[in-house]
Structures are given as C-alpha cells and as structure tokens.
Amino acid sequence: MHNIEFFNQIILFIVSLLANLFSAMAGGGAGLLQLPAIIFLGLTFTTALATHKVASVALGVGATVRHLKNSSLERKFAFFILLTGLPGVTLGALVILQVPGRSAELALGVMTMGLAVYSFLQPQLGQICDEKHRDFSGYLIGGLVMFFIGVLNGSLTSGTGLFVTIWLVKWFGLDYKRAVAYTLILVGLFWNATGAFTLGMLGTIQWDWLPALLLGSFIGGYLGAHISISRSNRLIKRVFELMTLLVGLKLIFS
C-alpha cells in the first residue's frame, strides 16, 4: 500500500511539473494534464477540482518569483484585472458545485480551439506591445469580459488563463510576453487562490496529495516563466497556440 502511495506521489509530481511548465510558457492550460491525472488516480471530480485549484496557486507563486525579477507590470492595470476578475472567480466556484458542467466544457472546448485558429491566422498578433482601449469604454468592455473569464476560471479550470492572455493581447494591445506575465501573476496566484479558498470551504481537498502537486507546480511555474522571458514573442505565440488546441480537444473529448 505504501509503495502504491509513493508511486502516486511520483506521478503527481511529474505531471504537475510538466503541466505547469508549459502553462507558464503559454499563459494557461495546466488543467489539461493535472486535473485528469488527479481524477485518474481515484478522486471524484469536485475533490480533484478543489485539490487542483489549491495546487495551481503554486504555479502563480513560482512564476511570480521569476517575473518580478525583471517585470515592468503596471500596478493600476494589474489592480483592474483583479477587481474585475475576482468576483467572477468566486461566482464560478459557487456555481460549479451545484450544476453539471459537461455542456459548458463542450462550449469552452470549441471556443478554446477557436483561440488557436484565430492566433495562427494572425501572424503579427501579440508580437509588439501597442497599448489601446485605455479609455472608459475600453475598460468597461474589457472588465466585463474579464469578469466572464473569471466565472469560467472559478468553475472550469482547463485553459481559462489562456482566455485572459489572448484578451490582453487582442483588446488591450499587449505583446504575448507581457500578457503571459500578467496572466501568471494575477490569474495564477490571485484568481486561483480565490477559487481554491471558495472550493475548499464548500468542497473537499485531498491534503496528502498536495505536497507533490505544490512542488511540481512551483518548479514548473518558475522554469516556464524563465523560458518565456528568455525566448521570443513568436515562440511564446506558438506554444500558446499548441496549448489552446490541446486544451480544446481535451475539453471536447474528455
């Protein structure tokens, strides 16, 4: 029995490391590997979701530690992302425990694959930073969409950070590198912590699985953030497109 538990911990660490490594490069998608692996090892969906949410906070911590070394993020804009997204995260976490999510997963899967196609067909998208929509109406529309993405983040964990990344690129004109930095720090750390707290209060967390998941998430988040900082916007764009495609397929065919 002890050997089986140790083997499970090794699997959890490896899966968490790989999932969060690519997630930190693309700006989302850790749930693609991590959540199904937790369910496969024997947890119910709600327990796996709550456990994954807690573990995903370590992704934000690892990525934040790396990005803050050379980050030029705007505090007011970061606060805007938190202010508009966190209420949605809380609402989404409350909703997911009450309703079946299969229909929402299918819809989200189609939309996520659409992100991959859209980004691929726009070769110059996110290659340079050209800030826009920083007026009242721009913030209003941007905030409403951010709130909706927050609802998705609180309820369906696979790939919602990718929506934040592409929205920051498309609507606010950020390049992929800067958009990923905002996503990893604000979504990975603060949004996920809010969702984890809400789900933890209402659901069940598999605490004895967390050490392996937290360690893998932290190391993967740090290494992925390091790679995204040191590589070109074009490479980050390609990783983003690959992750959105895989997440979309996973949501549709899971």
Protein backbone atom coordinates (compact mmCIF):
# COMPACT_ATOMS: atom_id res chain seq x y z
CA MET A 1 0.00 0.00 0.00
CA HIS A 2 2.82 2.37 0.90
CA ASN A 3 4.57 1.58 -2.40
CA ILE A 4 1.41 2.42 -4.34
CA GLU A 5 1.02 5.72 -2.50
CA PHE A 6 4.68 6.63 -3.15
CA PHE A 7 4.24 5.76 -6.84
CA ASN A 8 1.15 8.01 -6.97
CA GLN A 9 3.13 10.87 -5.45
CA ILE A 10 5.86 10.48 -8.10
CA ILE A 11 3.24 10.53 -10.87
CA LEU A 12 1.58 13.61 -9.37
CA PHE A 13 4.91 15.46 -9.17
CA ILE A 14 5.94 14.65 -12.76
CA VAL A 15 2.52 15.50 -14.21
CA SER A 16 2.34 18.72 -12.20
CA LEU A 17 5.86 19.74 -13.24
CA LEU A 18 5.21 19.22 -16.96
CA ALA A 19 1.70 20.71 -16.93
CA ASN A 20 2.78 23.88 -15.16
CA LEU A 21 5.98 24.24 -17.19
CA PHE A 22 4.03 24.56 -20.44
CA SER A 23 1.25 26.51 -18.74
CA ALA A 24 3.75 29.12 -17.55
CA MET A 25 5.09 29.47 -21.09
CA ALA A 26 1.68 29.80 -22.72
CA GLY A 27 -0.21 31.71 -20.04
CA GLY A 28 -2.58 28.92 -19.02
CA GLY A 29 -3.58 25.30 -19.57
CA ALA A 30 -2.19 23.48 -16.51
CA GLY A 31 -5.51 21.72 -16.03
CA LEU A 32 -5.01 19.94 -19.36
CA LEU A 33 -2.80 17.32 -17.70
CA GLN A 34 -3.04 17.91 -13.99
CA LEU A 35 -6.78 17.68 -13.38
CA PRO A 36 -7.37 14.49 -15.44
CA ALA A 37 -4.37 12.86 -13.75
CA ILE A 38 -5.78 13.58 -10.29
CA ILE A 39 -9.16 12.17 -11.30
CA PHE A 40 -7.50 9.11 -12.88
CA LEU A 41 -5.73 8.34 -9.61
CA GLY A 42 -9.06 7.99 -7.83
CA LEU A 43 -10.56 11.32 -6.72
CA THR A 44 -14.08 12.49 -7.52
CA PHE A 45 -14.43 15.48 -9.85
CA THR A 46 -15.26 18.01 -7.12
CA THR A 47 -12.45 16.82 -4.82
CA ALA A 48 -10.00 16.75 -7.73
CA LEU A 49 -11.09 20.24 -8.80
CA ALA A 50 -10.58 21.71 -5.32
CA THR A 51 -7.22 19.95 -4.92
CA HIS A 52 -6.06 21.10 -8.37
CA LYS A 53 -7.09 24.68 -7.58
CA VAL A 54 -5.00 24.75 -4.42
CA ALA A 55 -2.01 23.25 -6.23
CA SER A 56 -2.32 25.72 -9.12
CA VAL A 57 -1.64 28.59 -6.72
CA ALA A 58 1.97 27.33 -6.54
CA LEU A 59 2.21 27.88 -10.31
CA GLY A 60 1.43 31.53 -9.70
CA VAL A 61 3.95 31.72 -6.87
CA GLY A 62 6.75 30.15 -8.93
CA ALA A 63 6.02 32.31 -11.97
CA THR A 64 5.71 35.45 -9.83
CA VAL A 65 9.10 34.86 -8.20
CA ARG A 66 10.69 34.72 -11.67
CA HIS A 67 8.73 37.52 -13.35
CA LEU A 68 9.19 40.06 -10.55
CA LYS A 69 12.95 39.96 -11.10
CA ASN A 70 12.57 41.90 -14.34
CA SER A 71 8.88 42.78 -14.52
CA SER A 72 7.51 46.12 -15.69
CA LEU A 73 3.85 45.46 -14.98
CA GLU A 74 1.59 48.44 -14.31
CA ARG A 75 0.10 48.39 -10.80
CA LYS A 76 -3.14 50.17 -11.77
CA PHE A 77 -3.73 47.83 -14.70
CA ALA A 78 -2.94 44.81 -12.53
CA PHE A 79 -5.45 46.03 -9.95
CA PHE A 80 -8.04 46.42 -12.72
CA ILE A 81 -7.59 42.76 -13.71
CA LEU A 82 -8.02 41.67 -10.10
CA LEU A 83 -11.00 43.93 -9.46
CA THR A 84 -12.94 42.71 -12.49
CA GLY A 85 -11.93 39.05 -12.40
CA LEU A 86 -12.06 38.01 -8.74
CA PRO A 87 -15.86 38.43 -8.30
CA GLY A 88 -16.34 36.21 -11.35
CA VAL A 89 -13.98 33.58 -9.96
CA THR A 90 -15.96 33.42 -6.71
CA LEU A 91 -19.26 33.18 -8.58
CA GLY A 92 -17.92 30.43 -10.85
CA ALA A 93 -16.62 28.39 -7.91
CA LEU A 94 -20.02 28.60 -6.23
CA VAL A 95 -21.86 27.58 -9.40
CA ILE A 96 -19.72 24.58 -10.38
CA LEU A 97 -20.59 22.70 -7.18
CA GLN A 98 -24.31 22.98 -7.96
CA VAL A 99 -24.64 22.19 -11.67
CA PRO A 100 -23.22 19.63 -14.14
CA GLY A 101 -20.55 21.16 -16.31
CA ARG A 102 -20.44 18.92 -19.40
CA SER A 103 -22.30 21.31 -21.72
CA ALA A 104 -20.13 24.19 -20.55
CA GLU A 105 -17.00 22.08 -21.14
CA LEU A 106 -18.04 21.39 -24.74
CA ALA A 107 -18.75 25.06 -25.41
CA LEU A 108 -15.49 26.09 -23.76
CA GLY A 109 -13.59 23.46 -25.76
CA VAL A 110 -14.89 24.83 -29.06
CA MET A 111 -14.06 28.40 -28.02
CA THR A 112 -10.59 27.40 -26.85
CA MET A 113 -9.80 25.69 -30.16
CA GLY A 114 -11.08 28.84 -31.84
CA LEU A 115 -8.39 30.80 -30.00
CA ALA A 116 -5.71 28.56 -31.52
CA VAL A 117 -7.09 29.03 -35.04
CA TYR A 118 -7.52 32.78 -34.60
CA SER A 119 -4.00 33.29 -33.26
CA PHE A 120 -2.50 31.12 -36.01
CA LEU A 121 -4.28 33.12 -38.73
CA GLN A 122 -2.97 36.41 -37.26
CA PRO A 123 0.83 36.16 -37.72
CA GLN A 124 1.58 39.58 -36.20
CA LEU A 125 -0.79 39.24 -33.25
CA GLY A 126 0.98 39.94 -29.97
CA GLN A 127 4.43 40.42 -31.50
CA ILE A 128 4.75 44.04 -30.34
CA CYS A 129 3.17 45.97 -27.48
CA ASP A 130 0.70 48.57 -28.83
CA GLU A 131 -1.49 49.55 -25.88
CA LYS A 132 -5.09 50.50 -26.70
CA HIS A 133 -8.60 50.74 -25.25
CA ARG A 134 -7.35 52.54 -22.15
CA ASP A 135 -10.37 54.88 -22.03
CA PHE A 136 -13.60 54.47 -20.03
CA SER A 137 -15.49 52.44 -22.64
CA GLY A 138 -12.41 50.30 -23.29
CA TYR A 139 -12.03 49.47 -19.62
CA LEU A 140 -15.77 48.85 -19.27
CA ILE A 141 -15.89 46.31 -22.10
CA GLY A 142 -12.55 44.82 -21.10
CA GLY A 143 -13.69 44.49 -17.48
CA LEU A 144 -16.97 42.80 -18.39
CA VAL A 145 -15.15 40.20 -20.48
CA MET A 146 -12.60 39.74 -17.69
CA PHE A 147 -15.47 39.09 -15.23
CA PHE A 148 -16.91 36.44 -17.55
CA ILE A 149 -13.49 34.78 -17.91
CA GLY A 150 -13.27 34.85 -14.11
CA VAL A 151 -16.53 32.90 -13.90
CA LEU A 152 -15.05 30.30 -16.24
CA ASN A 153 -11.85 30.22 -14.21
CA GLY A 154 -13.72 29.54 -10.99
CA SER A 155 -15.83 26.76 -12.48
CA LEU A 156 -13.86 25.13 -15.31
CA THR A 157 -10.13 25.08 -14.71
CA SER A 158 -8.76 23.88 -18.04
CA GLY A 159 -7.42 26.69 -20.15
CA THR A 160 -9.21 29.75 -18.81
CA GLY A 161 -5.91 31.54 -18.22
CA LEU A 162 -5.40 31.26 -21.98
CA PHE A 163 -8.51 33.41 -22.47
CA VAL A 164 -7.03 36.11 -20.24
CA THR A 165 -3.79 36.01 -22.24
CA ILE A 166 -5.47 36.38 -25.63
CA TRP A 167 -7.85 39.08 -24.32
CA LEU A 168 -4.94 41.14 -23.01
CA VAL A 169 -3.23 40.76 -26.38
CA LYS A 170 -6.24 41.44 -28.59
CA TRP A 171 -8.20 44.05 -26.64
CA PHE A 172 -5.51 45.88 -24.69
CA GLY A 173 -2.73 45.50 -27.27
CA LEU A 174 -0.10 43.75 -25.14
CA ASP A 175 2.53 41.50 -26.65
CA TYR A 176 2.47 37.83 -25.70
CA LYS A 177 5.34 38.07 -23.21
CA ARG A 178 3.73 40.85 -21.18
CA ALA A 179 0.26 39.29 -21.40
CA VAL A 180 1.59 35.95 -20.12
CA ALA A 181 3.30 37.74 -17.22
CA TYR A 182 0.04 39.40 -16.17
CA THR A 183 -1.82 36.10 -16.50
CA LEU A 184 0.65 34.07 -14.48
CA ILE A 185 0.93 36.56 -11.63
CA LEU A 186 -2.68 37.73 -11.35
CA VAL A 187 -4.62 34.68 -12.56
CA GLY A 188 -2.14 32.02 -11.46
CA LEU A 189 -1.73 33.49 -7.98
CA PHE A 190 -4.72 35.65 -7.01
CA TRP A 191 -7.58 34.28 -9.13
CA ASN A 192 -6.61 30.68 -8.39
CA ALA A 193 -6.17 31.40 -4.68
CA THR A 194 -9.67 32.87 -4.56
CA GLY A 195 -11.13 29.85 -6.37
CA ALA A 196 -9.18 27.45 -4.16
CA PHE A 197 -10.43 29.15 -1.00
CA THR A 198 -14.05 29.09 -2.16
CA LEU A 199 -13.92 25.46 -3.30
CA GLY A 200 -12.03 24.47 -0.15
CA MET A 201 -14.73 25.99 2.06
CA LEU A 202 -17.53 24.23 0.20
CA GLY A 203 -15.87 21.04 -1.01
CA THR A 204 -13.14 18.57 -0.04
CA ILE A 205 -9.38 18.82 -0.60
CA GLN A 206 -7.06 15.80 -0.76
CA TRP A 207 -4.44 17.30 1.53
CA ASP A 208 -1.98 14.38 1.46
CA TRP A 209 -1.60 14.76 -2.32
CA LEU A 210 -0.77 18.45 -2.17
CA PRO A 211 2.99 18.31 -1.34
CA ALA A 212 3.86 16.62 -4.66
CA LEU A 213 1.43 18.82 -6.61
CA LEU A 214 2.61 22.04 -4.97
CA LEU A 215 6.29 21.24 -5.53
CA GLY A 216 5.73 20.32 -9.19
CA SER A 217 3.58 23.41 -9.75
CA PHE A 218 6.13 25.76 -8.18
CA ILE A 219 9.14 24.38 -10.06
CA GLY A 220 7.21 24.12 -13.33
CA GLY A 221 5.87 27.66 -12.93
CA TYR A 222 9.32 29.09 -12.26
CA LEU A 223 11.02 27.24 -15.13
CA GLY A 224 8.22 28.01 -17.58
CA ALA A 225 8.31 31.70 -16.66
CA HIS A 226 12.09 31.72 -17.11
CA ILE A 227 11.77 30.22 -20.60
CA SER A 228 9.01 32.65 -21.61
CA ILE A 229 11.13 35.63 -20.53
CA SER A 230 14.25 34.47 -22.37
CA ARG A 231 12.55 33.45 -25.63
CA SER A 232 10.89 35.43 -28.43
CA ASN A 233 7.26 36.51 -28.67
CA ARG A 234 6.88 34.27 -31.72
CA LEU A 235 7.87 31.16 -29.78
CA ILE A 236 5.50 32.07 -26.94
CA LYS A 237 2.77 32.59 -29.53
CA ARG A 238 3.35 29.11 -30.96
CA VAL A 239 3.30 27.49 -27.51
CA PHE A 240 0.08 29.38 -26.78
CA GLU A 241 -1.50 28.06 -29.98
CA LEU A 242 -0.43 24.49 -29.20
CA MET A 243 -1.79 24.67 -25.65
CA THR A 244 -5.13 26.16 -26.74
CA LEU A 245 -5.53 23.45 -29.36
CA LEU A 246 -4.76 20.63 -26.89
CA VAL A 247 -6.94 22.10 -24.15
CA GLY A 248 -9.83 22.48 -26.59
CA LEU A 249 -9.54 18.88 -27.76
CA LYS A 250 -9.32 17.64 -24.16
CA LEU A 251 -12.46 19.55 -23.13
CA ILE A 252 -14.44 18.25 -26.12
CA PHE A 253 -13.39 14.60 -25.97
CA SER A 254 -12.87 14.09 -22.20
